[in-house]
Amino acid sequence: MASGAILRHDELPPDTILVRIDGRTVTEQLAIDHAAMMSQAIDDLRAQYPRRGDPSGLLADTFTVL
């Protein structure tokens, strides 16, 4: 992945286009190799979480674990 940013959903710009992910697979057709880049980004993000509780600060002060 060339670069990336991790944001909470309430920090996204209003014109952000969201893409559905199923596991680590992008379920929509994307240009060129963007689906592969998204899969790599998903793997990278998920690899960070077992090592550190919330390394990207995505959780609010109060949250529910189901």
Protein backbone atom coordinates (compact mmCIF):
# COMPACT_ATOMS: atom_id res chain seq x y z
CA MET A 1 0.00 0.00 0.00
CA ALA A 2 1.41 3.37 -0.97
CA SER A 3 -0.33 5.32 1.79
CA GLY A 4 -3.44 5.19 3.88
CA ALA A 5 -5.39 6.86 6.62
CA ILE A 6 -7.61 5.40 9.31
CA LEU A 7 -10.54 7.55 10.37
CA ARG A 8 -13.66 7.10 12.45
CA HIS A 9 -16.86 7.21 10.38
CA ASP A 10 -17.84 10.59 11.86
CA GLU A 11 -14.54 12.09 10.66
CA LEU A 12 -15.08 11.21 6.99
CA PRO A 13 -15.82 14.06 4.57
CA PRO A 14 -19.50 14.17 3.55
CA ASP A 15 -18.73 13.24 -0.08
CA THR A 16 -16.79 10.08 0.85
CA ILE A 17 -17.64 7.03 -1.26
CA LEU A 18 -17.83 3.89 0.88
CA VAL A 19 -17.07 0.42 -0.46
CA ARG A 20 -18.57 -2.77 0.98
CA ILE A 21 -16.08 -5.31 2.36
CA ASP A 22 -16.87 -8.98 2.98
CA GLY A 23 -14.13 -10.42 5.19
CA ARG A 24 -11.11 -9.09 3.33
CA THR A 25 -12.74 -9.00 -0.12
CA VAL A 26 -14.07 -5.87 -1.79
CA THR A 27 -17.53 -6.74 -3.10
CA GLU A 28 -17.67 -3.99 -5.74
CA GLN A 29 -15.79 -3.55 -9.00
CA LEU A 30 -12.92 -1.09 -8.56
CA ALA A 31 -10.43 0.36 -11.02
CA ILE A 32 -7.16 -1.40 -11.83
CA ASP A 33 -5.71 -3.08 -8.70
CA HIS A 34 -7.58 -1.00 -6.11
CA ALA A 35 -9.40 -4.06 -4.73
CA ALA A 36 -6.03 -5.71 -4.04
CA MET A 37 -4.78 -2.53 -2.34
CA MET A 38 -7.91 -2.44 -0.17
CA SER A 39 -7.43 -6.09 0.82
CA GLN A 40 -3.83 -5.32 1.82
CA ALA A 41 -4.97 -2.31 3.84
CA ILE A 42 -7.59 -4.45 5.63
CA ASP A 43 -4.92 -7.05 6.48
CA ASP A 44 -2.55 -4.34 7.74
CA LEU A 45 -5.22 -2.77 9.94
CA ARG A 46 -6.38 -6.08 11.38
CA ALA A 47 -2.78 -7.09 12.13
CA GLN A 48 -2.34 -3.97 14.31
CA TYR A 49 -5.31 -4.63 16.57
CA PRO A 50 -4.26 -7.90 18.27
CA ARG A 51 -0.99 -6.24 19.34
CA ARG A 52 -2.47 -2.98 20.68
CA GLY A 53 -5.99 -2.38 21.98
CA ASP A 54 -7.12 0.49 19.73
CA PRO A 55 -4.00 1.79 17.98
CA SER A 56 -5.92 4.06 15.61
CA GLY A 57 -8.24 5.54 18.23
CA LEU A 58 -11.37 4.36 16.42
CA LEU A 59 -13.33 3.61 19.59
CA ALA A 60 -15.18 6.36 21.42
CA ASP A 61 -14.75 6.85 25.16
CA THR A 62 -17.87 4.71 25.66
CA PHE A 63 -18.54 1.64 23.50
CA THR A 64 -20.28 -1.72 23.65
CA VAL A 65 -18.68 -5.11 23.08
CA LEU A 66 -21.14 -7.71 21.84
